[in-house]
PDB file of N, CA and C in Angstrom:
ATOM      1  N   MET A   1     128.028  87.028  52.935  1.00  0.00           N
ATOM      2  CA  MET A   1     127.600  87.442  54.247  1.00  0.00           C
ATOM      3  C   MET A   1     126.142  87.029  54.448  1.00  0.00           C
ATOM      4  N   ALA A   2     125.807  86.542  55.597  1.00  0.00           N
ATOM      5  CA  ALA A   2     124.463  86.046  55.875  1.00  0.00           C
ATOM      6  C   ALA A   2     123.549  87.169  56.345  1.00  0.00           C
ATOM      7  N   THR A   3     122.263  86.943  56.222  1.00  0.00           N
ATOM      8  CA  THR A   3     121.236  87.885  56.639  1.00  0.00           C
ATOM      9  C   THR A   3     120.464  87.281  57.790  1.00  0.00           C
ATOM     10  N   SER A   4     120.138  88.099  58.790  1.00  0.00           N
ATOM     11  CA  SER A   4     119.324  87.624  59.906  1.00  0.00           C
ATOM     12  C   SER A   4     117.873  87.926  59.630  1.00  0.00           C
ATOM     13  N   VAL A   5     117.017  87.006  60.028  1.00  0.00           N
ATOM     14  CA  VAL A   5     115.583  87.171  59.831  1.00  0.00           C
ATOM     15  C   VAL A   5     114.912  87.127  61.182  1.00  0.00           C
ATOM     16  N   SER A   6     114.082  88.095  61.448  1.00  0.00           N
ATOM     17  CA  SER A   6     113.305  88.128  62.680  1.00  0.00           C
ATOM     18  C   SER A   6     111.848  87.897  62.313  1.00  0.00           C
ATOM     19  N   PRO A   7     111.275  86.738  62.672  1.00  0.00           N
ATOM     20  CA  PRO A   7     109.924  86.409  62.241  1.00  0.00           C
ATOM     21  C   PRO A   7     108.842  87.357  62.726  1.00  0.00           C
ATOM     22  N   ASP A   8     108.951  87.882  63.913  1.00  0.00           N
ATOM     23  CA  ASP A   8     107.910  88.745  64.469  1.00  0.00           C
ATOM     24  C   ASP A   8     108.476  90.133  64.707  1.00  0.00           C
ATOM     25  N   ARG A   9     108.728  90.864  63.659  1.00  0.00           N
ATOM     26  CA  ARG A   9     109.357  92.168  63.784  1.00  0.00           C
ATOM     27  C   ARG A   9     108.468  93.172  64.488  1.00  0.00           C
ATOM     28  N   GLU A  10     107.140  93.027  64.352  1.00  0.00           N
ATOM     29  CA  GLU A  10     106.242  93.975  64.972  1.00  0.00           C
ATOM     30  C   GLU A  10     106.185  93.814  66.491  1.00  0.00           C
ATOM     31  N   ALA A  11     106.396  92.613  66.976  1.00  0.00           N
ATOM     32  CA  ALA A  11     106.256  92.365  68.410  1.00  0.00           C
ATOM     33  C   ALA A  11     107.407  91.511  68.940  1.00  0.00           C
ATOM     34  N   PRO A  12     108.645  92.011  68.896  1.00  0.00           N
ATOM     35  CA  PRO A  12     109.769  91.201  69.334  1.00  0.00           C
ATOM     36  C   PRO A  12     109.804  90.956  70.833  1.00  0.00           C
ATOM     37  N   HIS A  13     109.018  91.705  71.597  1.00  0.00           N
ATOM     38  CA  HIS A  13     109.027  91.557  73.048  1.00  0.00           C
ATOM     39  C   HIS A  13     108.195  90.375  73.526  1.00  0.00           C
ATOM     40  N   GLN A  14     107.352  89.833  72.684  1.00  0.00           N
ATOM     41  CA  GLN A  14     106.523  88.701  73.096  1.00  0.00           C
ATOM     42  C   GLN A  14     107.389  87.457  73.183  1.00  0.00           C
ATOM     43  N   THR A  15     107.136  86.649  74.215  1.00  0.00           N
ATOM     44  CA  THR A  15     107.986  85.491  74.419  1.00  0.00           C
ATOM     45  C   THR A  15     107.229  84.178  74.546  1.00  0.00           C
ATOM     46  N   SER A  16     105.947  84.169  74.229  1.00  0.00           N
ATOM     47  CA  SER A  16     105.224  82.903  74.318  1.00  0.00           C
ATOM     48  C   SER A  16     105.757  81.954  73.248  1.00  0.00           C
ATOM     49  N   ALA A  17     105.495  80.681  73.402  1.00  0.00           N
ATOM     50  CA  ALA A  17     106.016  79.676  72.472  1.00  0.00           C
ATOM     51  C   ALA A  17     105.559  79.933  71.042  1.00  0.00           C
ATOM     52  N   ARG A  18     104.339  80.412  70.854  1.00  0.00           N
ATOM     53  CA  ARG A  18     103.814  80.643  69.502  1.00  0.00           C
ATOM     54  C   ARG A  18     104.355  81.911  68.868  1.00  0.00           C
ATOM     55  N   THR A  19     104.692  82.912  69.660  1.00  0.00           N
ATOM     56  CA  THR A  19     105.069  84.206  69.093  1.00  0.00           C
ATOM     57  C   THR A  19     106.506  84.607  69.388  1.00  0.00           C
ATOM     58  N   ALA A  20     107.306  83.705  69.910  1.00  0.00           N
ATOM     59  CA  ALA A  20     108.684  84.044  70.256  1.00  0.00           C
ATOM     60  C   ALA A  20     109.466  84.454  69.005  1.00  0.00           C
ATOM     61  N   THR A  21     110.278  85.475  69.142  1.00  0.00           N
ATOM     62  CA  THR A  21     111.129  85.922  68.046  1.00  0.00           C
ATOM     63  C   THR A  21     112.303  84.968  67.926  1.00  0.00           C
ATOM     64  N   ARG A  22     112.551  84.559  66.715  1.00  0.00           N
ATOM     65  CA  ARG A  22     113.666  83.638  66.481  1.00  0.00           C
ATOM     66  C   ARG A  22     114.465  84.170  65.309  1.00  0.00           C
ATOM     67  N   ARG A  23     115.739  84.311  65.484  1.00  0.00           N
ATOM     68  CA  ARG A  23     116.593  84.803  64.411  1.00  0.00           C
ATOM     69  C   ARG A  23     117.285  83.617  63.767  1.00  0.00           C
ATOM     70  N   VAL A  24     117.290  83.632  62.457  1.00  0.00           N
ATOM     71  CA  VAL A  24     117.981  82.582  61.711  1.00  0.00           C
ATOM     72  C   VAL A  24     118.923  83.241  60.727  1.00  0.00           C
ATOM     73  N   ARG A  25     119.897  82.501  60.263  1.00  0.00           N
ATOM     74  CA  ARG A  25     120.833  83.020  59.276  1.00  0.00           C
ATOM     75  C   ARG A  25     120.404  82.537  57.906  1.00  0.00           C
ATOM     76  N   ALA A  26     120.449  83.444  56.958  1.00  0.00           N
ATOM     77  CA  ALA A  26     120.088  83.110  55.587  1.00  0.00           C
ATOM     78  C   ALA A  26     121.077  83.786  54.653  1.00  0.00           C
ATOM     79  N   THR A  27     121.470  83.090  53.621  1.00  0.00           N
ATOM     80  CA  THR A  27     122.388  83.665  52.647  1.00  0.00           C
ATOM     81  C   THR A  27     121.621  84.589  51.707  1.00  0.00           C
ATOM     82  N   PRO A  28     122.318  85.492  51.031  1.00  0.00           N
ATOM     83  CA  PRO A  28     121.647  86.345  50.046  1.00  0.00           C
ATOM     84  C   PRO A  28     120.946  85.520  48.955  1.00  0.00           C
ATOM     85  N   THR A  29     121.499  84.377  48.617  1.00  0.00           N
ATOM     86  CA  THR A  29     120.878  83.497  47.623  1.00  0.00           C
ATOM     87  C   THR A  29     119.542  82.974  48.125  1.00  0.00           C
ATOM     88  N   GLU A  30     119.469  82.612  49.396  1.00  0.00           N
ATOM     89  CA  GLU A  30     118.217  82.125  49.973  1.00  0.00           C
ATOM     90  C   GLU A  30     117.158  83.227  50.017  1.00  0.00           C
ATOM     91  N   VAL A  31     117.590  84.449  50.317  1.00  0.00           N
ATOM     92  CA  VAL A  31     116.647  85.576  50.333  1.00  0.00           C
ATOM     93  C   VAL A  31     116.137  85.824  48.919  1.00  0.00           C
ATOM     94  N   SER A  32     117.033  85.778  47.937  1.00  0.00           N
ATOM     95  CA  SER A  32     116.619  85.968  46.540  1.00  0.00           C
ATOM     96  C   SER A  32     115.646  84.884  46.097  1.00  0.00           C
ATOM     97  N   ALA A  33     115.895  83.654  46.507  1.00  0.00           N
ATOM     98  CA  ALA A  33     114.995  82.550  46.159  1.00  0.00           C
ATOM     99  C   ALA A  33     113.617  82.756  46.777  1.00  0.00           C
ATOM    100  N   ALA A  34     113.575  83.271  47.996  1.00  0.00           N
ATOM    101  CA  ALA A  34     112.292  83.540  48.652  1.00  0.00           C
ATOM    102  C   ALA A  34     111.542  84.644  47.905  1.00  0.00           C
ATOM    103  N   LYS A  35     112.265  85.669  47.432  1.00  0.00           N
ATOM    104  CA  LYS A  35     111.631  86.740  46.662  1.00  0.00           C
ATOM    105  C   LYS A  35     111.053  86.195  45.358  1.00  0.00           C
ATOM    106  N   LEU A  36     111.789  85.319  44.721  1.00  0.00           N
ATOM    107  CA  LEU A  36     111.303  84.693  43.487  1.00  0.00           C
ATOM    108  C   LEU A  36     110.047  83.873  43.764  1.00  0.00           C
ATOM    109  N   ARG A  37     110.046  83.151  44.865  1.00  0.00           N
ATOM    110  CA  ARG A  37     108.872  82.340  45.222  1.00  0.00           C
ATOM    111  C   ARG A  37     107.644  83.219  45.427  1.00  0.00           C
ATOM    112  N   LEU A  38     107.839  84.405  46.047  1.00  0.00           N
ATOM    113  CA  LEU A  38     106.717  85.328  46.229  1.00  0.00           C
ATOM    114  C   LEU A  38     106.113  85.716  44.885  1.00  0.00           C
ATOM    115  N   VAL A  39     106.964  86.052  43.932  1.00  0.00           N
ATOM    116  CA  VAL A  39     106.489  86.460  42.603  1.00  0.00           C
ATOM    117  C   VAL A  39     105.778  85.302  41.917  1.00  0.00           C
ATOM    118  N   LEU A  40     106.381  84.122  41.951  1.00  0.00           N
ATOM    119  CA  LEU A  40     105.774  82.956  41.302  1.00  0.00           C
ATOM    120  C   LEU A  40     104.434  82.595  41.928  1.00  0.00           C
ATOM    121  N   ASP A  41     104.382  82.579  43.246  1.00  0.00           N
ATOM    122  CA  ASP A  41     103.123  82.249  43.920  1.00  0.00           C
ATOM    123  C   ASP A  41     102.033  83.260  43.575  1.00  0.00           C
ATOM    124  N   GLU A  42     102.405  84.546  43.525  1.00  0.00           N
ATOM    125  CA  GLU A  42     101.420  85.572  43.181  1.00  0.00           C
ATOM    126  C   GLU A  42     100.894  85.361  41.761  1.00  0.00           C
ATOM    127  N   ARG A  43     101.790  85.106  40.831  1.00  0.00           N
ATOM    128  CA  ARG A  43     101.372  84.928  39.431  1.00  0.00           C
ATOM    129  C   ARG A  43     100.560  83.655  39.223  1.00  0.00           C
ATOM    130  N   LEU A  44     100.836  82.639  40.022  1.00  0.00           N
ATOM    131  CA  LEU A  44     100.113  81.379  39.893  1.00  0.00           C
ATOM    132  C   LEU A  44      98.882  81.313  40.796  1.00  0.00           C
ATOM    133  N   GLY A  45      98.654  82.378  41.572  1.00  0.00           N
ATOM    134  CA  GLY A  45      97.488  82.425  42.443  1.00  0.00           C
ATOM    135  C   GLY A  45      97.578  81.509  43.648  1.00  0.00           C
ATOM    136  N   ARG A  46      98.790  81.233  44.081  1.00  0.00           N
ATOM    137  CA  ARG A  46      98.982  80.354  45.241  1.00  0.00           C
ATOM    138  C   ARG A  46      99.307  81.168  46.483  1.00  0.00           C
ATOM    139  N   ALA A  47      99.012  80.595  47.631  1.00  0.00           N
ATOM    140  CA  ALA A  47      99.383  81.207  48.902  1.00  0.00           C
ATOM    141  C   ALA A  47     100.858  80.926  49.172  1.00  0.00           C
ATOM    142  N   THR A  48     101.544  81.905  49.727  1.00  0.00           N
ATOM    143  CA  THR A  48     102.955  81.753  50.082  1.00  0.00           C
ATOM    144  C   THR A  48     103.049  81.526  51.582  1.00  0.00           C
ATOM    145  N   PRO A  49     103.802  80.523  52.020  1.00  0.00           N
ATOM    146  CA  PRO A  49     103.955  80.304  53.461  1.00  0.00           C
ATOM    147  C   PRO A  49     104.538  81.549  54.143  1.00  0.00           C
ATOM    148  N   GLU A  50     104.108  81.802  55.361  1.00  0.00           N
ATOM    149  CA  GLU A  50     104.543  82.984  56.100  1.00  0.00           C
ATOM    150  C   GLU A  50     106.061  83.042  56.264  1.00  0.00           C
ATOM    151  N   TRP A  51     106.706  81.894  56.467  1.00  0.00           N
ATOM    152  CA  TRP A  51     108.155  81.914  56.662  1.00  0.00           C
ATOM    153  C   TRP A  51     108.877  82.360  55.389  1.00  0.00           C
ATOM    154  N   VAL A  52     108.303  82.085  54.226  1.00  0.00           N
ATOM    155  CA  VAL A  52     108.908  82.527  52.972  1.00  0.00           C
ATOM    156  C   VAL A  52     108.755  84.041  52.842  1.00  0.00           C
ATOM    157  N   VAL A  53     107.591  84.564  53.236  1.00  0.00           N
ATOM    158  CA  VAL A  53     107.365  86.008  53.193  1.00  0.00           C
ATOM    159  C   VAL A  53     108.358  86.716  54.102  1.00  0.00           C
ATOM    160  N   ARG A  54     108.536  86.198  55.322  1.00  0.00           N
ATOM    161  CA  ARG A  54     109.484  86.816  56.259  1.00  0.00           C
ATOM    162  C   ARG A  54     110.897  86.773  55.705  1.00  0.00           C
ATOM    163  N   LEU A  55     111.277  85.660  55.118  1.00  0.00           N
ATOM    164  CA  LEU A  55     112.615  85.518  54.547  1.00  0.00           C
ATOM    165  C   LEU A  55     112.807  86.493  53.388  1.00  0.00           C
ATOM    166  N   ALA A  56     111.816  86.626  52.538  1.00  0.00           N
ATOM    167  CA  ALA A  56     111.906  87.534  51.392  1.00  0.00           C
ATOM    168  C   ALA A  56     112.033  88.990  51.836  1.00  0.00           C
ATOM    169  N   ASN A  57     111.481  89.316  52.977  1.00  0.00           N
ATOM    170  CA  ASN A  57     111.537  90.686  53.499  1.00  0.00           C
ATOM    171  C   ASN A  57     112.688  90.908  54.470  1.00  0.00           C
ATOM    172  N   ALA A  58     113.601  89.974  54.537  1.00  0.00           N
ATOM    173  CA  ALA A  58     114.726  90.049  55.465  1.00  0.00           C
ATOM    174  C   ALA A  58     115.607  91.251  55.149  1.00  0.00           C
ATOM    175  N   GLU A  59     116.159  91.825  56.180  1.00  0.00           N
ATOM    176  CA  GLU A  59     117.094  92.924  56.042  1.00  0.00           C
ATOM    177  C   GLU A  59     118.441  92.509  56.617  1.00  0.00           C
ATOM    178  N   ARG A  60     119.465  93.069  56.059  1.00  0.00           N
ATOM    179  CA  ARG A  60     120.802  92.787  56.583  1.00  0.00           C
ATOM    180  C   ARG A  60     120.946  93.435  57.943  1.00  0.00           C
ATOM    181  N   PRO A  61     121.545  92.738  58.895  1.00  0.00           N
ATOM    182  CA  PRO A  61     121.727  93.330  60.222  1.00  0.00           C
ATOM    183  C   PRO A  61     122.726  94.480  60.160  1.00  0.00           C
ATOM    184  N   SER A  62     122.519  95.490  60.994  1.00  0.00           N
ATOM    185  CA  SER A  62     123.466  96.597  61.039  1.00  0.00           C
ATOM    186  C   SER A  62     124.689  96.168  61.839  1.00  0.00           C
ATOM    187  N   ALA A  63     125.786  96.784  61.564  1.00  0.00           N
ATOM    188  CA  ALA A  63     127.055  96.413  62.198  1.00  0.00           C
ATOM    189  C   ALA A  63     127.088  96.730  63.624  1.00  0.00           C
TER     190      ALA A  63
END
């Protein structure tokens, strides 16, 4: 089952081109990979791209 990701969860009502909310589908494997990347980047002292952070924090949509 896929997971939906909302990039701007704090402000979903904004609709400008830069801040528009966009939902994408991600598999549980992709979410797990993003979580792993967060841990690796932290341990290696690297910055993690914002889209990876959003993906790692994705929640399953409610029915």
